[in-house]
C-alpha atoms as a PDB file:
ATOM      1  CA  MET A   1      16.346 -13.529  65.488  1.00  0.00           C
ATOM      2  CA  LEU A   2      14.117 -16.693  65.419  1.00  0.00           C
ATOM      3  CA  ARG A   3      11.715 -15.068  67.865  1.00  0.00           C
ATOM      4  CA  SER A   4      11.417 -11.989  65.642  1.00  0.00           C
ATOM      5  CA  LEU A   5      10.687 -14.180  62.595  1.00  0.00           C
ATOM      6  CA  ARG A   6       7.975 -16.098  64.405  1.00  0.00           C
ATOM      7  CA  PHE A   7       6.381 -12.876  65.594  1.00  0.00           C
ATOM      8  CA  THR A   8       6.355 -11.485  62.038  1.00  0.00           C
ATOM      9  CA  ILE A   9       4.676 -14.635  60.680  1.00  0.00           C
ATOM     10  CA  PHE A  10       2.088 -14.427  63.440  1.00  0.00           C
ATOM     11  CA  LEU A  11       1.267 -10.828  62.479  1.00  0.00           C
ATOM     12  CA  ILE A  12       0.801 -11.836  58.829  1.00  0.00           C
ATOM     13  CA  PHE A  13      -1.736 -14.574  59.636  1.00  0.00           C
ATOM     14  CA  LEU A  14      -3.481 -12.356  62.185  1.00  0.00           C
ATOM     15  CA  ALA A  15      -3.935  -9.687  59.521  1.00  0.00           C
ATOM     16  CA  LEU A  16      -5.377 -12.249  57.074  1.00  0.00           C
ATOM     17  CA  ALA A  17      -7.802 -13.597  59.656  1.00  0.00           C
ATOM     18  CA  PHE A  18      -8.989 -10.120  60.559  1.00  0.00           C
ATOM     19  CA  ALA A  19      -9.583  -9.349  56.901  1.00  0.00           C
ATOM     20  CA  SER A  20     -11.739 -12.425  56.515  1.00  0.00           C
ATOM     21  CA  LEU A  21     -13.902 -11.524  59.520  1.00  0.00           C
ATOM     22  CA  CYS A  22     -14.478  -7.946  58.385  1.00  0.00           C
ATOM     23  CA  ALA A  23     -15.418  -8.839  54.829  1.00  0.00           C
ATOM     24  CA  PRO A  24     -19.154  -8.693  53.866  1.00  0.00           C
ATOM     25  CA  PRO A  25     -20.940 -12.080  53.906  1.00  0.00           C
ATOM     26  CA  GLU A  26     -21.523 -12.073  50.168  1.00  0.00           C
ATOM     27  CA  THR A  27     -17.880 -11.355  49.506  1.00  0.00           C
ATOM     28  CA  GLU A  28     -15.666 -14.338  49.052  1.00  0.00           C
ATOM     29  CA  VAL A  29     -12.391 -13.948  50.880  1.00  0.00           C
ATOM     30  CA  LYS A  30      -9.464 -14.991  48.747  1.00  0.00           C
ATOM     31  CA  MET A  31      -6.879 -16.877  50.734  1.00  0.00           C
ATOM     32  CA  PRO A  32      -3.228 -16.094  49.867  1.00  0.00           C
ATOM     33  CA  SER A  33      -1.447 -18.520  47.634  1.00  0.00           C
ATOM     34  CA  GLN A  34       1.614 -20.469  48.630  1.00  0.00           C
ATOM     35  CA  LYS A  35       3.850 -18.112  46.623  1.00  0.00           C
ATOM     36  CA  GLU A  36       2.414 -15.026  48.363  1.00  0.00           C
ATOM     37  CA  VAL A  37       3.004 -16.559  51.769  1.00  0.00           C
ATOM     38  CA  GLU A  38       6.585 -17.466  50.835  1.00  0.00           C
ATOM     39  CA  PHE A  39       7.121 -13.939  49.468  1.00  0.00           C
ATOM     40  CA  HIS A  40       6.029 -12.307  52.757  1.00  0.00           C
ATOM     41  CA  LEU A  41       8.049 -14.770  54.779  1.00  0.00           C
ATOM     42  CA  GLU A  42      11.155 -14.022  52.710  1.00  0.00           C
ATOM     43  CA  LYS A  43      10.637 -10.289  53.226  1.00  0.00           C
ATOM     44  CA  ALA A  44      10.324 -10.842  56.961  1.00  0.00           C
ATOM     45  CA  ARG A  45      13.509 -12.909  57.009  1.00  0.00           C
ATOM     46  CA  GLN A  46      15.374 -10.239  55.031  1.00  0.00           C
ATOM     47  CA  ALA A  47      14.254  -7.467  57.393  1.00  0.00           C
ATOM     48  CA  VAL A  48      15.370  -9.456  60.430  1.00  0.00           C
ATOM     49  CA  PHE A  49      18.706 -10.303  58.729  1.00  0.00           C
ATOM     50  CA  GLU A  50      19.465  -6.665  57.835  1.00  0.00           C
ATOM     51  CA  SER A  51      18.630  -5.514  61.347  1.00  0.00           C
ATOM     52  CA  GLN A  52      20.898  -8.156  62.869  1.00  0.00           C
ATOM     53  CA  GLU A  53      23.711  -7.389  60.377  1.00  0.00           C
ATOM     54  CA  LYS A  54      23.578  -3.673  61.210  1.00  0.00           C
ATOM     55  CA  PHE A  55      23.728  -4.442  64.921  1.00  0.00           C
ATOM     56  CA  LEU A  56      26.734  -6.758  64.513  1.00  0.00           C
ATOM     57  CA  SER A  57      28.547  -4.223  62.303  1.00  0.00           C
ATOM     58  CA  THR A  58      28.183  -1.551  64.978  1.00  0.00           C
ATOM     59  CA  GLU A  59      29.465  -3.954  67.616  1.00  0.00           C
ATOM     60  CA  ILE A  60      32.523  -4.872  65.522  1.00  0.00           C
ATOM     61  CA  LYS A  61      33.414  -1.215  64.860  1.00  0.00           C
ATOM     62  CA  THR A  62      33.069  -0.365  68.556  1.00  0.00           C
ATOM     63  CA  ASP A  63      35.299  -3.286  69.536  1.00  0.00           C
ATOM     64  CA  ALA A  64      37.868  -2.287  66.918  1.00  0.00           C
ATOM     65  CA  VAL A  65      38.062   1.260  68.277  1.00  0.00           C
ATOM     66  CA  LYS A  66      38.421  -0.035  71.808  1.00  0.00           C
ATOM     67  CA  MET A  67      41.104  -2.488  70.718  1.00  0.00           C
ATOM     68  CA  GLY A  68      43.007   0.259  68.906  1.00  0.00           C
ATOM     69  CA  THR A  69      42.898   2.509  71.955  1.00  0.00           C
ATOM     70  CA  ILE A  70      44.180  -0.243  74.205  1.00  0.00           C
ATOM     71  CA  ASN A  71      47.025  -1.017  71.815  1.00  0.00           C
ATOM     72  CA  LEU A  72      48.105   2.624  71.626  1.00  0.00           C
ATOM     73  CA  GLU A  73      48.060   2.992  75.397  1.00  0.00           C
ATOM     74  CA  SER A  74      50.003  -0.239  75.747  1.00  0.00           C
ATOM     75  CA  ILE A  75      52.662   0.916  73.299  1.00  0.00           C
ATOM     76  CA  ALA A  76      52.967   4.300  75.014  1.00  0.00           C
ATOM     77  CA  SER A  77      53.276   2.567  78.369  1.00  0.00           C
ATOM     78  CA  GLU A  78      55.984   0.197  77.142  1.00  0.00           C
ATOM     79  CA  LEU A  79      58.077   2.881  75.488  1.00  0.00           C
ATOM     80  CA  LYS A  80      57.649   5.233  78.483  1.00  0.00           C
ATOM     81  CA  ILE A  81      58.384   8.244  76.345  1.00  0.00           C
ATOM     82  CA  THR A  82      57.100  11.520  77.728  1.00  0.00           C
ATOM     83  CA  GLN A  83      57.751  15.097  76.780  1.00  0.00           C
ATOM     84  CA  GLU A  84      59.611  15.679  80.039  1.00  0.00           C
ATOM     85  CA  GLN A  85      61.903  12.703  79.437  1.00  0.00           C
ATOM     86  CA  LEU A  86      62.691  13.894  75.932  1.00  0.00           C
ATOM     87  CA  GLN A  87      63.544  17.354  77.234  1.00  0.00           C
ATOM     88  CA  ASN A  88      65.770  15.868  79.927  1.00  0.00           C
ATOM     89  CA  LYS A  89      67.513  13.734  77.333  1.00  0.00           C
ATOM     90  CA  LYS A  90      68.177  16.747  75.119  1.00  0.00           C
ATOM     91  CA  SER A  91      69.446  18.722  78.118  1.00  0.00           C
ATOM     92  CA  ILE A  92      71.876  15.931  79.032  1.00  0.00           C
ATOM     93  CA  GLN A  93      73.084  15.718  75.441  1.00  0.00           C
ATOM     94  CA  ARG A  94      73.762  19.477  75.400  1.00  0.00           C
ATOM     95  CA  GLU A  95      75.691  19.240  78.666  1.00  0.00           C
ATOM     96  CA  ASN A  96      77.842  16.423  77.265  1.00  0.00           C
ATOM     97  CA  LEU A  97      78.833  18.401  74.173  1.00  0.00           C
ATOM     98  CA  PRO A  98      82.454  19.603  74.085  1.00  0.00           C
ATOM     99  CA  ARG A  99      82.742  23.139  75.470  1.00  0.00           C
ATOM    100  CA  LEU A 100      85.509  25.685  75.580  1.00  0.00           C
ATOM    101  CA  TYR A 101      85.029  28.657  77.905  1.00  0.00           C
ATOM    102  CA  VAL A 102      87.185  31.740  78.360  1.00  0.00           C
ATOM    103  CA  CYS A 103      86.408  33.532  81.609  1.00  0.00           C
ATOM    104  CA  ILE A 104      87.299  37.214  81.670  1.00  0.00           C
ATOM    105  CA  SER A 105      86.420  40.480  83.365  1.00  0.00           C
ATOM    106  CA  LEU A 106      84.892  43.643  81.918  1.00  0.00           C
ATOM    107  CA  GLY A 107      87.746  45.413  83.683  1.00  0.00           C
ATOM    108  CA  PHE A 108      90.098  44.223  80.934  1.00  0.00           C
ATOM    109  CA  SER A 109      91.100  46.749  78.310  1.00  0.00           C
ATOM    110  CA  ASP A 110      89.014  47.027  75.156  1.00  0.00           C
ATOM    111  CA  GLU A 111      91.942  45.730  73.101  1.00  0.00           C
ATOM    112  CA  ALA A 112      92.373  42.640  75.291  1.00  0.00           C
ATOM    113  CA  ILE A 113      88.656  41.795  75.211  1.00  0.00           C
ATOM    114  CA  LYS A 114      88.457  42.217  71.427  1.00  0.00           C
ATOM    115  CA  ARG A 115      91.516  40.017  70.933  1.00  0.00           C
ATOM    116  CA  ILE A 116      89.991  37.252  73.059  1.00  0.00           C
ATOM    117  CA  LEU A 117      86.620  37.525  71.279  1.00  0.00           C
ATOM    118  CA  ASN A 118      88.208  37.339  67.836  1.00  0.00           C
ATOM    119  CA  GLU A 119      90.184  34.230  68.729  1.00  0.00           C
ATOM    120  CA  ALA A 120      87.119  32.685  70.400  1.00  0.00           C
ATOM    121  CA  LYS A 121      85.171  32.976  67.134  1.00  0.00           C
ATOM    122  CA  ILE A 122      87.882  31.008  65.314  1.00  0.00           C
ATOM    123  CA  VAL A 123      87.681  27.948  67.579  1.00  0.00           C
ATOM    124  CA  GLY A 124      84.044  28.242  68.710  1.00  0.00           C
ATOM    125  CA  ALA A 125      84.734  29.193  72.344  1.00  0.00           C
ATOM    126  CA  SER A 126      82.336  31.050  74.628  1.00  0.00           C
ATOM    127  CA  VAL A 127      83.571  34.156  76.417  1.00  0.00           C
ATOM    128  CA  VAL A 128      81.868  34.675  79.787  1.00  0.00           C
ATOM    129  CA  ILE A 129      81.920  37.154  82.650  1.00  0.00           C
ATOM    130  CA  ARG A 130      80.850  36.538  86.237  1.00  0.00           C
ATOM    131  CA  GLY A 131      78.404  39.398  86.734  1.00  0.00           C
ATOM    132  CA  PHE A 132      77.883  43.144  86.790  1.00  0.00           C
ATOM    133  CA  TYR A 133      80.602  45.656  86.068  1.00  0.00           C
ATOM    134  CA  LYS A 134      80.183  48.510  88.583  1.00  0.00           C
ATOM    135  CA  ASP A 135      76.381  48.633  88.159  1.00  0.00           C
ATOM    136  CA  PHE A 136      73.630  47.375  85.863  1.00  0.00           C
ATOM    137  CA  ASN A 137      73.699  50.289  83.406  1.00  0.00           C
ATOM    138  CA  SER A 138      77.486  50.268  83.175  1.00  0.00           C
ATOM    139  CA  THR A 139      77.439  46.523  82.523  1.00  0.00           C
ATOM    140  CA  ILE A 140      74.884  46.782  79.687  1.00  0.00           C
ATOM    141  CA  LYS A 141      76.777  49.655  78.118  1.00  0.00           C
ATOM    142  CA  ARG A 142      80.104  47.842  78.229  1.00  0.00           C
ATOM    143  CA  VAL A 143      78.776  44.467  77.044  1.00  0.00           C
ATOM    144  CA  SER A 144      76.948  46.051  74.110  1.00  0.00           C
ATOM    145  CA  LYS A 145      80.211  47.662  73.073  1.00  0.00           C
ATOM    146  CA  PHE A 146      81.550  44.246  72.041  1.00  0.00           C
ATOM    147  CA  SER A 147      78.392  42.819  70.427  1.00  0.00           C
ATOM    148  CA  SER A 148      79.849  43.172  66.927  1.00  0.00           C
ATOM    149  CA  ASP A 149      82.949  41.211  67.964  1.00  0.00           C
ATOM    150  CA  GLY A 150      81.033  38.079  68.932  1.00  0.00           C
ATOM    151  CA  GLY A 151      79.480  39.112  72.213  1.00  0.00           C
ATOM    152  CA  LEU A 152      79.928  38.277  75.866  1.00  0.00           C
ATOM    153  CA  ALA A 153      77.805  36.047  78.103  1.00  0.00           C
ATOM    154  CA  ILE A 154      77.049  36.787  81.751  1.00  0.00           C
ATOM    155  CA  ASP A 155      77.124  33.369  83.431  1.00  0.00           C
ATOM    156  CA  PRO A 156      78.216  33.111  87.076  1.00  0.00           C
ATOM    157  CA  THR A 157      77.410  29.374  87.088  1.00  0.00           C
ATOM    158  CA  ILE A 158      80.493  28.678  84.961  1.00  0.00           C
ATOM    159  CA  PHE A 159      82.692  30.387  87.553  1.00  0.00           C
ATOM    160  CA  GLU A 160      81.043  28.450  90.392  1.00  0.00           C
ATOM    161  CA  LYS A 161      81.002  25.062  88.662  1.00  0.00           C
ATOM    162  CA  TYR A 162      84.704  25.133  87.749  1.00  0.00           C
ATOM    163  CA  ASN A 163      85.901  27.110  90.804  1.00  0.00           C
ATOM    164  CA  ILE A 164      87.174  30.062  88.796  1.00  0.00           C
ATOM    165  CA  GLU A 165      88.579  32.653  91.200  1.00  0.00           C
ATOM    166  CA  THR A 166      91.004  34.573  88.967  1.00  0.00           C
ATOM    167  CA  VAL A 167      90.787  35.648  85.345  1.00  0.00           C
ATOM    168  CA  PRO A 168      91.556  35.125  82.589  1.00  0.00           C
ATOM    169  CA  ALA A 169      90.783  31.442  82.931  1.00  0.00           C
ATOM    170  CA  PHE A 170      90.234  28.705  80.378  1.00  0.00           C
ATOM    171  CA  VAL A 171      87.930  25.705  80.711  1.00  0.00           C
ATOM    172  CA  LEU A 172      87.868  22.771  78.281  1.00  0.00           C
ATOM    173  CA  THR A 173      85.121  20.315  79.168  1.00  0.00           C
ATOM    174  CA  SER A 174      83.116  17.408  77.857  1.00  0.00           C
ATOM    175  CA  GLU A 175      81.511  14.301  79.316  1.00  0.00           C
ATOM    176  CA  ASN A 176      83.623  12.971  82.216  1.00  0.00           C
ATOM    177  CA  LEU A 177      86.596  15.282  81.621  1.00  0.00           C
ATOM    178  CA  THR A 178      87.591  18.864  82.367  1.00  0.00           C
ATOM    179  CA  ALA A 179      90.844  20.790  81.891  1.00  0.00           C
ATOM    180  CA  THR A 180      91.357  24.279  83.304  1.00  0.00           C
ATOM    181  CA  ALA A 181      94.148  26.840  83.379  1.00  0.00           C
ATOM    182  CA  HIS A 182      94.678  30.430  84.557  1.00  0.00           C
ATOM    183  CA  GLY A 183      96.902  33.214  83.351  1.00  0.00           C
ATOM    184  CA  SER A 184      97.401  35.730  80.572  1.00  0.00           C
ATOM    185  CA  ALA A 185      97.749  33.542  77.528  1.00  0.00           C
ATOM    186  CA  SER A 186      96.021  32.999  74.215  1.00  0.00           C
ATOM    187  CA  ILE A 187      93.352  30.350  73.670  1.00  0.00           C
ATOM    188  CA  ARG A 188      95.676  28.583  71.273  1.00  0.00           C
ATOM    189  CA  TYR A 189      98.433  28.378  73.861  1.00  0.00           C
ATOM    190  CA  PHE A 190      95.988  26.847  76.371  1.00  0.00           C
ATOM    191  CA  LEU A 191      94.801  24.205  73.874  1.00  0.00           C
ATOM    192  CA  GLU A 192      98.364  23.284  72.916  1.00  0.00           C
ATOM    193  CA  LEU A 193      99.238  23.029  76.609  1.00  0.00           C
ATOM    194  CA  VAL A 194      96.389  20.537  77.106  1.00  0.00           C
ATOM    195  CA  VAL A 195      97.627  18.497  74.137  1.00  0.00           C
ATOM    196  CA  ARG A 196     101.120  18.307  75.694  1.00  0.00           C
ATOM    197  CA  GLN A 197     100.213  17.781  79.343  1.00  0.00           C
ATOM    198  CA  GLY A 198      96.601  16.592  79.474  1.00  0.00           C
ATOM    199  CA  THR A 199      95.196  13.090  79.553  1.00  0.00           C
ATOM    200  CA  PRO A 200      94.651  11.291  76.215  1.00  0.00           C
ATOM    201  CA  GLY A 201      90.969  12.246  76.290  1.00  0.00           C
ATOM    202  CA  GLU A 202      91.719  15.890  77.083  1.00  0.00           C
ATOM    203  CA  ALA A 203      94.398  16.038  74.404  1.00  0.00           C
ATOM    204  CA  GLU A 204      92.039  14.599  71.796  1.00  0.00           C
ATOM    205  CA  LEU A 205      89.372  17.168  72.721  1.00  0.00           C
ATOM    206  CA  ALA A 206      91.881  20.050  72.559  1.00  0.00           C
ATOM    207  CA  GLU A 207      93.023  18.919  69.120  1.00  0.00           C
ATOM    208  CA  ARG A 208      89.429  19.121  67.888  1.00  0.00           C
ATOM    209  CA  PHE A 209      89.275  22.796  68.831  1.00  0.00           C
ATOM    210  CA  LEU A 210      92.742  23.460  67.436  1.00  0.00           C
ATOM    211  CA  LYS A 211      91.461  22.382  64.018  1.00  0.00           C
ATOM    212  CA  GLY A 212      89.372  25.555  64.067  1.00  0.00           C
ATOM    213  CA  TYR A 213      92.487  27.561  63.241  1.00  0.00           C
ATOM    214  CA  GLN A 214      92.563  25.811  59.879  1.00  0.00           C
ATOM    215  CA  LYS A 215      88.830  25.315  59.232  1.00  0.00           C
ATOM    216  CA  GLY A 216      87.244  28.328  60.909  1.00  0.00           C
ATOM    217  CA  PRO A 217      84.708  28.325  63.825  1.00  0.00           C
ATOM    218  CA  LEU A 218      83.463  24.914  65.021  1.00  0.00           C
END
């Protein structure tokens, strides 16, 4: 900044000297007064100051943006939260929710299937079948027949996960506990059986579903 000020002063005096040389001999060159010199010097200082202030302002803004970016990246790195991790967390939470499955076959009579579906709606149970009934078209036709009664789910993974070989079968599961039973019985009978003969955790879970008979679907 000092160098720029000196250069500006030099240009002012150079311009005055040039004016004196180019003036006609009979013309008297009027030298600038002290106030005029101070005025031009002040203008030069102001110009240099404004230029330096603008430069510093730009530098500060750039540093602030960089600092903000670094802070955000640092926070994201520390929290280690990614979309995939959030999805995995939600998936685990869904798996740990209490579930009640009733495994059946489309070979059951219409009356038996409707009775199971109606009771499943009361306690919030899911009624599942292993796979196709005869063929694809026959399966779709038969499943759609019960859509108004709550619907059936085709899920062979439930049968594989809980080793279901015969139906009807009942599965009560939550985090770290599972209770299963086979045989022609109602959902209510199965839940009451778990309350009587299951572990404390299983009994507590069964009682939660049994409340559906008083309060409606879970």
